[in-house]
Amino acid sequence: MDRTDLRFSGWELVVAAALAMGAAGIYQFGWSSIRLPLGSRLGAPESALGTVFTLFVVFQTLGQFPAGWVRDRYGPRPPLVAGAICLTGGLAALAVARSLPAA
């Protein structure tokens, strides 16, 4: 694949990647700000929240390998759509969670 196959400039990719990281990175970059309010709202001990965050980072990291393979094989749209659906579902579930097992 060469640069002409992309049909848009590299700067559009930079902006799209920055927006995606801003949306998906809410938990990573804002964890220290939401940890205590989230724990008190869900009635969860800090150790349980640490476990949830650790699992989030591990699964996000391991998910990069199959996502990269899907992107190379089918193009960027399928993993982007799947990621947007998963992110939306996760944020919606967190918004209505009343306890840690529901989160």
PDB file of N, CA and C in Angstrom:
ATOM      1  N   MET A   1       0.855  -1.172   0.000  1.00  0.00           N
ATOM      2  CA  MET A   1       0.000   0.000   0.000  1.00  0.00           C
ATOM      3  C   MET A   1       0.897   1.231   0.000  1.00  0.00           C
ATOM      4  N   ASP A   2       0.692   2.107  -0.959  1.00  0.00           N
ATOM      5  CA  ASP A   2       1.468   3.342  -0.974  1.00  0.00           C
ATOM      6  C   ASP A   2       0.595   4.511  -0.524  1.00  0.00           C
ATOM      7  N   ARG A   3       1.208   5.676  -0.469  1.00  0.00           N
ATOM      8  CA  ARG A   3       0.540   6.855   0.078  1.00  0.00           C
ATOM      9  C   ARG A   3      -0.695   7.257  -0.726  1.00  0.00           C
ATOM     10  N   THR A   4      -0.720   6.988  -2.021  1.00  0.00           N
ATOM     11  CA  THR A   4      -1.875   7.380  -2.838  1.00  0.00           C
ATOM     12  C   THR A   4      -3.104   6.538  -2.526  1.00  0.00           C
ATOM     13  N   ASP A   5      -2.908   5.364  -1.923  1.00  0.00           N
ATOM     14  CA  ASP A   5      -4.054   4.529  -1.560  1.00  0.00           C
ATOM     15  C   ASP A   5      -4.856   5.114  -0.408  1.00  0.00           C
ATOM     16  N   LEU A   6      -4.271   5.994   0.375  1.00  0.00           N
ATOM     17  CA  LEU A   6      -4.947   6.531   1.550  1.00  0.00           C
ATOM     18  C   LEU A   6      -6.042   7.536   1.197  1.00  0.00           C
ATOM     19  N   ARG A   7      -5.903   8.230   0.091  1.00  0.00           N
ATOM     20  CA  ARG A   7      -6.876   9.208  -0.392  1.00  0.00           C
ATOM     21  C   ARG A   7      -7.076  10.417   0.515  1.00  0.00           C
ATOM     22  N   PHE A   8      -6.210  10.626   1.470  1.00  0.00           N
ATOM     23  CA  PHE A   8      -6.269  11.823   2.301  1.00  0.00           C
ATOM     24  C   PHE A   8      -4.885  12.080   2.870  1.00  0.00           C
ATOM     25  N   SER A   9      -4.686  13.280   3.377  1.00  0.00           N
ATOM     26  CA  SER A   9      -3.358  13.663   3.844  1.00  0.00           C
ATOM     27  C   SER A   9      -3.014  13.004   5.167  1.00  0.00           C
ATOM     28  N   GLY A  10      -1.734  13.008   5.491  1.00  0.00           N
ATOM     29  CA  GLY A  10      -1.273  12.442   6.750  1.00  0.00           C
ATOM     30  C   GLY A  10      -1.794  13.199   7.959  1.00  0.00           C
ATOM     31  N   TRP A  11      -2.063  14.505   7.788  1.00  0.00           N
ATOM     32  CA  TRP A  11      -2.548  15.297   8.920  1.00  0.00           C
ATOM     33  C   TRP A  11      -3.943  14.869   9.348  1.00  0.00           C
ATOM     34  N   GLU A  12      -4.749  14.410   8.423  1.00  0.00           N
ATOM     35  CA  GLU A  12      -6.073  13.904   8.800  1.00  0.00           C
ATOM     36  C   GLU A  12      -5.942  12.666   9.680  1.00  0.00           C
ATOM     37  N   LEU A  13      -4.939  11.836   9.397  1.00  0.00           N
ATOM     38  CA  LEU A  13      -4.683  10.671  10.248  1.00  0.00           C
ATOM     39  C   LEU A  13      -4.231  11.091  11.636  1.00  0.00           C
ATOM     40  N   VAL A  14      -3.392  12.109  11.710  1.00  0.00           N
ATOM     41  CA  VAL A  14      -2.909  12.589  13.006  1.00  0.00           C
ATOM     42  C   VAL A  14      -4.077  13.113  13.844  1.00  0.00           C
ATOM     43  N   VAL A  15      -4.942  13.903  13.238  1.00  0.00           N
ATOM     44  CA  VAL A  15      -6.096  14.448  13.957  1.00  0.00           C
ATOM     45  C   VAL A  15      -7.041  13.325  14.384  1.00  0.00           C
ATOM     46  N   ALA A  16      -7.311  12.380  13.479  1.00  0.00           N
ATOM     47  CA  ALA A  16      -8.199  11.261  13.823  1.00  0.00           C
ATOM     48  C   ALA A  16      -7.611  10.424  14.955  1.00  0.00           C
ATOM     49  N   ALA A  17      -6.310  10.170  14.912  1.00  0.00           N
ATOM     50  CA  ALA A  17      -5.668   9.390  15.975  1.00  0.00           C
ATOM     51  C   ALA A  17      -5.716  10.133  17.305  1.00  0.00           C
ATOM     52  N   ALA A  18      -5.500  11.446  17.278  1.00  0.00           N
ATOM     53  CA  ALA A  18      -5.549  12.232  18.511  1.00  0.00           C
ATOM     54  C   ALA A  18      -6.957  12.223  19.107  1.00  0.00           C
ATOM     55  N   LEU A  19      -7.969  12.345  18.268  1.00  0.00           N
ATOM     56  CA  LEU A  19      -9.351  12.297  18.759  1.00  0.00           C
ATOM     57  C   LEU A  19      -9.694  10.916  19.314  1.00  0.00           C
ATOM     58  N   ALA A  20      -9.247   9.868  18.632  1.00  0.00           N
ATOM     59  CA  ALA A  20      -9.514   8.511  19.115  1.00  0.00           C
ATOM     60  C   ALA A  20      -8.817   8.263  20.446  1.00  0.00           C
ATOM     61  N   MET A  21      -7.577   8.699  20.583  1.00  0.00           N
ATOM     62  CA  MET A  21      -6.867   8.522  21.853  1.00  0.00           C
ATOM     63  C   MET A  21      -7.505   9.355  22.954  1.00  0.00           C
ATOM     64  N   GLY A  22      -7.996  10.536  22.605  1.00  0.00           N
ATOM     65  CA  GLY A  22      -8.678  11.354  23.602  1.00  0.00           C
ATOM     66  C   GLY A  22      -9.943  10.694  24.113  1.00  0.00           C
ATOM     67  N   ALA A  23     -10.674  10.047  23.205  1.00  0.00           N
ATOM     68  CA  ALA A  23     -11.903   9.360  23.613  1.00  0.00           C
ATOM     69  C   ALA A  23     -11.602   8.057  24.342  1.00  0.00           C
ATOM     70  N   ALA A  24     -10.717   7.253  23.788  1.00  0.00           N
ATOM     71  CA  ALA A  24     -10.409   5.950  24.387  1.00  0.00           C
ATOM     72  C   ALA A  24      -9.511   6.078  25.605  1.00  0.00           C
ATOM     73  N   GLY A  25      -8.762   7.153  25.695  1.00  0.00           N
ATOM     74  CA  GLY A  25      -7.825   7.315  26.795  1.00  0.00           C
ATOM     75  C   GLY A  25      -8.411   7.962  28.032  1.00  0.00           C
ATOM     76  N   ILE A  26      -9.735   8.097  28.069  1.00  0.00           N
ATOM     77  CA  ILE A  26     -10.383   8.710  29.229  1.00  0.00           C
ATOM     78  C   ILE A  26      -9.974   8.001  30.508  1.00  0.00           C
ATOM     79  N   TYR A  27     -10.007   6.683  30.489  1.00  0.00           N
ATOM     80  CA  TYR A  27      -9.667   5.921  31.692  1.00  0.00           C
ATOM     81  C   TYR A  27      -8.189   6.035  32.022  1.00  0.00           C
ATOM     82  N   GLN A  28      -7.332   5.935  31.021  1.00  0.00           N
ATOM     83  CA  GLN A  28      -5.895   5.985  31.290  1.00  0.00           C
ATOM     84  C   GLN A  28      -5.453   7.349  31.794  1.00  0.00           C
ATOM     85  N   PHE A  29      -5.842   8.392  31.082  1.00  0.00           N
ATOM     86  CA  PHE A  29      -5.351   9.718  31.415  1.00  0.00           C
ATOM     87  C   PHE A  29      -6.105  10.355  32.576  1.00  0.00           C
ATOM     88  N   GLY A  30      -7.322   9.926  32.814  1.00  0.00           N
ATOM     89  CA  GLY A  30      -8.110  10.531  33.877  1.00  0.00           C
ATOM     90  C   GLY A  30      -8.325   9.637  35.081  1.00  0.00           C
ATOM     91  N   TRP A  31      -7.629   8.497  35.128  1.00  0.00           N
ATOM     92  CA  TRP A  31      -7.868   7.530  36.203  1.00  0.00           C
ATOM     93  C   TRP A  31      -7.668   8.134  37.578  1.00  0.00           C
ATOM     94  N   SER A  32      -6.616   8.921  37.753  1.00  0.00           N
ATOM     95  CA  SER A  32      -6.362   9.488  39.083  1.00  0.00           C
ATOM     96  C   SER A  32      -7.470  10.450  39.505  1.00  0.00           C
ATOM     97  N   SER A  33      -8.167  11.035  38.549  1.00  0.00           N
ATOM     98  CA  SER A  33      -9.249  11.961  38.874  1.00  0.00           C
ATOM     99  C   SER A  33     -10.568  11.256  39.170  1.00  0.00           C
ATOM    100  N   ILE A  34     -10.802  10.118  38.524  1.00  0.00           N
ATOM    101  CA  ILE A  34     -12.097   9.454  38.698  1.00  0.00           C
ATOM    102  C   ILE A  34     -12.053   8.287  39.676  1.00  0.00           C
ATOM    103  N   ARG A  35     -10.873   7.862  40.093  1.00  0.00           N
ATOM    104  CA  ARG A  35     -10.733   6.669  40.938  1.00  0.00           C
ATOM    105  C   ARG A  35     -11.495   6.791  42.249  1.00  0.00           C
ATOM    106  N   LEU A  36     -11.270   7.839  43.002  1.00  0.00           N
ATOM    107  CA  LEU A  36     -11.921   7.978  44.309  1.00  0.00           C
ATOM    108  C   LEU A  36     -13.429   8.210  44.200  1.00  0.00           C
ATOM    109  N   PRO A  37     -13.908   9.127  43.337  1.00  0.00           N
ATOM    110  CA  PRO A  37     -15.364   9.276  43.209  1.00  0.00           C
ATOM    111  C   PRO A  37     -16.047   8.005  42.696  1.00  0.00           C
ATOM    112  N   LEU A  38     -15.391   7.314  41.780  1.00  0.00           N
ATOM    113  CA  LEU A  38     -15.958   6.072  41.256  1.00  0.00           C
ATOM    114  C   LEU A  38     -16.028   5.011  42.341  1.00  0.00           C
ATOM    115  N   GLY A  39     -14.980   4.904  43.146  1.00  0.00           N
ATOM    116  CA  GLY A  39     -14.966   3.926  44.233  1.00  0.00           C
ATOM    117  C   GLY A  39     -16.037   4.198  45.266  1.00  0.00           C
ATOM    118  N   SER A  40     -16.225   5.466  45.617  1.00  0.00           N
ATOM    119  CA  SER A  40     -17.256   5.774  46.612  1.00  0.00           C
ATOM    120  C   SER A  40     -18.657   5.571  46.036  1.00  0.00           C
ATOM    121  N   ARG A  41     -18.845   5.881  44.765  1.00  0.00           N
ATOM    122  CA  ARG A  41     -20.163   5.695  44.137  1.00  0.00           C
ATOM    123  C   ARG A  41     -20.518   4.221  44.019  1.00  0.00           C
ATOM    124  N   LEU A  42     -19.523   3.390  43.695  1.00  0.00           N
ATOM    125  CA  LEU A  42     -19.781   1.965  43.511  1.00  0.00           C
ATOM    126  C   LEU A  42     -19.614   1.170  44.795  1.00  0.00           C
ATOM    127  N   GLY A  43     -19.122   1.809  45.841  1.00  0.00           N
ATOM    128  CA  GLY A  43     -18.886   1.102  47.092  1.00  0.00           C
ATOM    129  C   GLY A  43     -17.798   0.053  46.969  1.00  0.00           C
ATOM    130  N   ALA A  44     -16.785   0.350  46.179  1.00  0.00           N
ATOM    131  CA  ALA A  44     -15.722  -0.621  45.908  1.00  0.00           C
ATOM    132  C   ALA A  44     -14.439  -0.215  46.621  1.00  0.00           C
ATOM    133  N   PRO A  45     -13.719  -1.186  47.174  1.00  0.00           N
ATOM    134  CA  PRO A  45     -12.430  -0.863  47.787  1.00  0.00           C
ATOM    135  C   PRO A  45     -11.405  -0.477  46.718  1.00  0.00           C
ATOM    136  N   GLU A  46     -10.387   0.245  47.151  1.00  0.00           N
ATOM    137  CA  GLU A  46      -9.373   0.716  46.215  1.00  0.00           C
ATOM    138  C   GLU A  46      -8.641  -0.437  45.533  1.00  0.00           C
ATOM    139  N   SER A  47      -8.466  -1.546  46.240  1.00  0.00           N
ATOM    140  CA  SER A  47      -7.789  -2.698  45.636  1.00  0.00           C
ATOM    141  C   SER A  47      -8.598  -3.271  44.472  1.00  0.00           C
ATOM    142  N   ALA A  48      -9.913  -3.295  44.602  1.00  0.00           N
ATOM    143  CA  ALA A  48     -10.759  -3.797  43.511  1.00  0.00           C
ATOM    144  C   ALA A  48     -10.698  -2.865  42.307  1.00  0.00           C
ATOM    145  N   LEU A  49     -10.681  -1.562  42.563  1.00  0.00           N
ATOM    146  CA  LEU A  49     -10.567  -0.612  41.459  1.00  0.00           C
ATOM    147  C   LEU A  49      -9.223  -0.748  40.761  1.00  0.00           C
ATOM    148  N   GLY A  50      -8.170  -1.003  41.539  1.00  0.00           N
ATOM    149  CA  GLY A  50      -6.855  -1.232  40.947  1.00  0.00           C
ATOM    150  C   GLY A  50      -6.848  -2.460  40.057  1.00  0.00           C
ATOM    151  N   THR A  51      -7.550  -3.497  40.483  1.00  0.00           N
ATOM    152  CA  THR A  51      -7.651  -4.711  39.667  1.00  0.00           C
ATOM    153  C   THR A  51      -8.400  -4.435  38.368  1.00  0.00           C
ATOM    154  N   VAL A  52      -9.481  -3.684  38.448  1.00  0.00           N
ATOM    155  CA  VAL A  52     -10.252  -3.338  37.252  1.00  0.00           C
ATOM    156  C   VAL A  52      -9.386  -2.542  36.281  1.00  0.00           C
ATOM    157  N   PHE A  53      -8.642  -1.568  36.783  1.00  0.00           N
ATOM    158  CA  PHE A  53      -7.795  -0.758  35.914  1.00  0.00           C
ATOM    159  C   PHE A  53      -6.678  -1.598  35.304  1.00  0.00           C
ATOM    160  N   THR A  54      -6.097  -2.491  36.093  1.00  0.00           N
ATOM    161  CA  THR A  54      -5.046  -3.367  35.576  1.00  0.00           C
ATOM    162  C   THR A  54      -5.580  -4.247  34.455  1.00  0.00           C
ATOM    163  N   LEU A  55      -6.757  -4.819  34.656  1.00  0.00           N
ATOM    164  CA  LEU A  55      -7.363  -5.643  33.607  1.00  0.00           C
ATOM    165  C   LEU A  55      -7.650  -4.821  32.354  1.00  0.00           C
ATOM    166  N   PHE A  56      -8.100  -3.590  32.541  1.00  0.00           N
ATOM    167  CA  PHE A  56      -8.345  -2.703  31.404  1.00  0.00           C
ATOM    168  C   PHE A  56      -7.074  -2.509  30.588  1.00  0.00           C
ATOM    169  N   VAL A  57      -5.964  -2.202  31.257  1.00  0.00           N
ATOM    170  CA  VAL A  57      -4.705  -1.954  30.552  1.00  0.00           C
ATOM    171  C   VAL A  57      -4.208  -3.227  29.867  1.00  0.00           C
ATOM    172  N   VAL A  58      -4.294  -4.359  30.552  1.00  0.00           N
ATOM    173  CA  VAL A  58      -3.825  -5.621  29.969  1.00  0.00           C
ATOM    174  C   VAL A  58      -4.641  -5.978  28.723  1.00  0.00           C
ATOM    175  N   PHE A  59      -5.972  -5.923  28.817  1.00  0.00           N
ATOM    176  CA  PHE A  59      -6.796  -6.283  27.668  1.00  0.00           C
ATOM    177  C   PHE A  59      -6.663  -5.270  26.534  1.00  0.00           C
ATOM    178  N   GLN A  60      -6.493  -4.006  26.864  1.00  0.00           N
ATOM    179  CA  GLN A  60      -6.290  -3.006  25.822  1.00  0.00           C
ATOM    180  C   GLN A  60      -4.977  -3.273  25.093  1.00  0.00           C
ATOM    181  N   THR A  61      -3.939  -3.602  25.843  1.00  0.00           N
ATOM    182  CA  THR A  61      -2.641  -3.881  25.240  1.00  0.00           C
ATOM    183  C   THR A  61      -2.694  -5.140  24.380  1.00  0.00           C
ATOM    184  N   LEU A  62      -3.247  -6.216  24.911  1.00  0.00           N
ATOM    185  CA  LEU A  62      -3.319  -7.469  24.153  1.00  0.00           C
ATOM    186  C   LEU A  62      -4.255  -7.361  22.952  1.00  0.00           C
ATOM    187  N   GLY A  63      -5.233  -6.484  23.033  1.00  0.00           N
ATOM    188  CA  GLY A  63      -6.161  -6.297  21.923  1.00  0.00           C
ATOM    189  C   GLY A  63      -5.545  -5.622  20.714  1.00  0.00           C
ATOM    190  N   GLN A  64      -4.389  -4.988  20.896  1.00  0.00           N
ATOM    191  CA  GLN A  64      -3.737  -4.315  19.779  1.00  0.00           C
ATOM    192  C   GLN A  64      -3.275  -5.300  18.708  1.00  0.00           C
ATOM    193  N   PHE A  65      -2.867  -6.496  19.114  1.00  0.00           N
ATOM    194  CA  PHE A  65      -2.360  -7.470  18.147  1.00  0.00           C
ATOM    195  C   PHE A  65      -3.449  -7.960  17.191  1.00  0.00           C
ATOM    196  N   PRO A  66      -4.581  -8.452  17.692  1.00  0.00           N
ATOM    197  CA  PRO A  66      -5.623  -8.850  16.732  1.00  0.00           C
ATOM    198  C   PRO A  66      -6.213  -7.653  15.980  1.00  0.00           C
ATOM    199  N   ALA A  67      -6.292  -6.506  16.619  1.00  0.00           N
ATOM    200  CA  ALA A  67      -6.823  -5.322  15.930  1.00  0.00           C
ATOM    201  C   ALA A  67      -5.905  -4.911  14.783  1.00  0.00           C
ATOM    202  N   GLY A  68      -4.604  -5.006  14.993  1.00  0.00           N
ATOM    203  CA  GLY A  68      -3.652  -4.702  13.923  1.00  0.00           C
ATOM    204  C   GLY A  68      -3.773  -5.672  12.765  1.00  0.00           C
ATOM    205  N   TRP A  69      -3.967  -6.945  13.082  1.00  0.00           N
ATOM    206  CA  TRP A  69      -4.134  -7.949  12.031  1.00  0.00           C
ATOM    207  C   TRP A  69      -5.410  -7.667  11.231  1.00  0.00           C
ATOM    208  N   VAL A  70      -6.511  -7.370  11.925  1.00  0.00           N
ATOM    209  CA  VAL A  70      -7.775  -7.067  11.243  1.00  0.00           C
ATOM    210  C   VAL A  70      -7.621  -5.821  10.382  1.00  0.00           C
ATOM    211  N   ARG A  71      -6.930  -4.820  10.895  1.00  0.00           N
ATOM    212  CA  ARG A  71      -6.727  -3.587  10.136  1.00  0.00           C
ATOM    213  C   ARG A  71      -5.893  -3.845   8.882  1.00  0.00           C
ATOM    214  N   ASP A  72      -4.845  -4.652   9.006  1.00  0.00           N
ATOM    215  CA  ASP A  72      -4.020  -4.968   7.841  1.00  0.00           C
ATOM    216  C   ASP A  72      -4.786  -5.784   6.807  1.00  0.00           C
ATOM    217  N   ARG A  73      -5.659  -6.650   7.265  1.00  0.00           N
ATOM    218  CA  ARG A  73      -6.375  -7.543   6.353  1.00  0.00           C
ATOM    219  C   ARG A  73      -7.610  -6.891   5.730  1.00  0.00           C
ATOM    220  N   TYR A  74      -8.370  -6.124   6.512  1.00  0.00           N
ATOM    221  CA  TYR A  74      -9.653  -5.592   6.046  1.00  0.00           C
ATOM    222  C   TYR A  74      -9.707  -4.073   5.939  1.00  0.00           C
ATOM    223  N   GLY A  75      -8.657  -3.395   6.347  1.00  0.00           N
ATOM    224  CA  GLY A  75      -8.653  -1.941   6.305  1.00  0.00           C
ATOM    225  C   GLY A  75      -8.996  -1.348   7.660  1.00  0.00           C
ATOM    226  N   PRO A  76      -8.929  -0.036   7.784  1.00  0.00           N
ATOM    227  CA  PRO A  76      -9.107   0.595   9.093  1.00  0.00           C
ATOM    228  C   PRO A  76     -10.550   0.688   9.575  1.00  0.00           C
ATOM    229  N   ARG A  77     -11.514   0.637   8.679  1.00  0.00           N
ATOM    230  CA  ARG A  77     -12.900   0.871   9.090  1.00  0.00           C
ATOM    231  C   ARG A  77     -13.467  -0.194  10.034  1.00  0.00           C
ATOM    232  N   PRO A  78     -13.338  -1.495   9.763  1.00  0.00           N
ATOM    233  CA  PRO A  78     -13.928  -2.494  10.676  1.00  0.00           C
ATOM    234  C   PRO A  78     -13.419  -2.404  12.117  1.00  0.00           C
ATOM    235  N   PRO A  79     -12.097  -2.315  12.356  1.00  0.00           N
ATOM    236  CA  PRO A  79     -11.689  -2.202  13.762  1.00  0.00           C
ATOM    237  C   PRO A  79     -12.083  -0.868  14.386  1.00  0.00           C
ATOM    238  N   LEU A  80     -12.150   0.190  13.587  1.00  0.00           N
ATOM    239  CA  LEU A  80     -12.566   1.485  14.121  1.00  0.00           C
ATOM    240  C   LEU A  80     -14.032   1.445  14.545  1.00  0.00           C
ATOM    241  N   VAL A  81     -14.878   0.867  13.724  1.00  0.00           N
ATOM    242  CA  VAL A  81     -16.301   0.760  14.060  1.00  0.00           C
ATOM    243  C   VAL A  81     -16.493  -0.146  15.275  1.00  0.00           C
ATOM    244  N   ALA A  82     -15.799  -1.291  15.285  1.00  0.00           N
ATOM    245  CA  ALA A  82     -15.915  -2.206  16.427  1.00  0.00           C
ATOM    246  C   ALA A  82     -15.427  -1.537  17.709  1.00  0.00           C
ATOM    247  N   GLY A  83     -14.330  -0.811  17.624  1.00  0.00           N
ATOM    248  CA  GLY A  83     -13.812  -0.110  18.797  1.00  0.00           C
ATOM    249  C   GLY A  83     -14.755   0.972  19.290  1.00  0.00           C
ATOM    250  N   ALA A  84     -15.356   1.705  18.361  1.00  0.00           N
ATOM    251  CA  ALA A  84     -16.304   2.751  18.752  1.00  0.00           C
ATOM    252  C   ALA A  84     -17.530   2.154  19.432  1.00  0.00           C
ATOM    253  N   ILE A  85     -18.000   1.018  18.927  1.00  0.00           N
ATOM    254  CA  ILE A  85     -19.153   0.350  19.544  1.00  0.00           C
ATOM    255  C   ILE A  85     -18.800  -0.140  20.944  1.00  0.00           C
ATOM    256  N   CYS A  86     -17.630  -0.771  21.081  1.00  0.00           N
ATOM    257  CA  CYS A  86     -17.202  -1.267  22.400  1.00  0.00           C
ATOM    258  C   CYS A  86     -17.004  -0.118  23.389  1.00  0.00           C
ATOM    259  N   LEU A  87     -16.382   0.966  22.942  1.00  0.00           N
ATOM    260  CA  LEU A  87     -16.158   2.115  23.818  1.00  0.00           C
ATOM    261  C   LEU A  87     -17.485   2.725  24.254  1.00  0.00           C
ATOM    262  N   THR A  88     -18.405   2.890  23.328  1.00  0.00           N
ATOM    263  CA  THR A  88     -19.710   3.448  23.666  1.00  0.00           C
ATOM    264  C   THR A  88     -20.454   2.553  24.649  1.00  0.00           C
ATOM    265  N   GLY A  89     -20.412   1.253  24.410  1.00  0.00           N
ATOM    266  CA  GLY A  89     -21.062   0.315  25.324  1.00  0.00           C
ATOM    267  C   GLY A  89     -20.440   0.332  26.707  1.00  0.00           C
ATOM    268  N   GLY A  90     -19.123   0.390  26.767  1.00  0.00           N
ATOM    269  CA  GLY A  90     -18.442   0.429  28.062  1.00  0.00           C
ATOM    270  C   GLY A  90     -18.740   1.694  28.843  1.00  0.00           C
ATOM    271  N   LEU A  91     -18.728   2.834  28.167  1.00  0.00           N
ATOM    272  CA  LEU A  91     -19.037   4.091  28.847  1.00  0.00           C
ATOM    273  C   LEU A  91     -20.497   4.126  29.296  1.00  0.00           C
ATOM    274  N   ALA A  92     -21.396   3.576  28.484  1.00  0.00           N
ATOM    275  CA  ALA A  92     -22.809   3.524  28.877  1.00  0.00           C
ATOM    276  C   ALA A  92     -23.005   2.608  30.079  1.00  0.00           C
ATOM    277  N   ALA A  93     -22.308   1.465  30.094  1.00  0.00           N
ATOM    278  CA  ALA A  93     -22.413   0.546  31.233  1.00  0.00           C
ATOM    279  C   ALA A  93     -21.873   1.191  32.501  1.00  0.00           C
ATOM    280  N   LEU A  94     -20.780   1.918  32.383  1.00  0.00           N
ATOM    281  CA  LEU A  94     -20.223   2.593  33.550  1.00  0.00           C
ATOM    282  C   LEU A  94     -21.168   3.682  34.060  1.00  0.00           C
ATOM    283  N   ALA A  95     -21.856   4.342  33.146  1.00  0.00           N
ATOM    284  CA  ALA A  95     -22.766   5.415  33.552  1.00  0.00           C
ATOM    285  C   ALA A  95     -23.940   4.903  34.376  1.00  0.00           C
ATOM    286  N   VAL A  96     -24.376   3.676  34.137  1.00  0.00           N
ATOM    287  CA  VAL A  96     -25.529   3.141  34.864  1.00  0.00           C
ATOM    288  C   VAL A  96     -25.144   2.136  35.944  1.00  0.00           C
ATOM    289  N   ALA A  97     -23.858   1.885  36.122  1.00  0.00           N
ATOM    290  CA  ALA A  97     -23.409   0.884  37.103  1.00  0.00           C
ATOM    291  C   ALA A  97     -23.736   1.343  38.519  1.00  0.00           C
ATOM    292  N   ARG A  98     -24.215   0.416  39.321  1.00  0.00           N
ATOM    293  CA  ARG A  98     -24.525   0.692  40.721  1.00  0.00           C
ATOM    294  C   ARG A  98     -23.579  -0.027  41.669  1.00  0.00           C
ATOM    295  N   SER A  99     -22.846  -1.008  41.153  1.00  0.00           N
ATOM    296  CA  SER A  99     -21.868  -1.728  41.966  1.00  0.00           C
ATOM    297  C   SER A  99     -20.740  -2.190  41.053  1.00  0.00           C
ATOM    298  N   LEU A 100     -19.647  -2.627  41.641  1.00  0.00           N
ATOM    299  CA  LEU A 100     -18.488  -3.020  40.848  1.00  0.00           C
ATOM    300  C   LEU A 100     -18.755  -4.209  39.935  1.00  0.00           C
ATOM    301  N   PRO A 101     -19.457  -5.261  40.362  1.00  0.00           N
ATOM    302  CA  PRO A 101     -19.708  -6.360  39.421  1.00  0.00           C
ATOM    303  C   PRO A 101     -20.469  -5.932  38.173  1.00  0.00           C
ATOM    304  N   ALA A 102     -21.318  -4.906  38.278  1.00  0.00           N
ATOM    305  CA  ALA A 102     -22.052  -4.431  37.104  1.00  0.00           C
ATOM    306  C   ALA A 102     -21.162  -3.609  36.195  1.00  0.00           C
ATOM    307  N   ALA A 103     -20.100  -3.027  36.755  1.00  0.00           N
ATOM    308  CA  ALA A 103     -19.188  -2.228  35.938  1.00  0.00           C
ATOM    309  C   ALA A 103     -18.329  -3.164  35.186  1.00  0.00           C
TER     310      ALA A 103
END
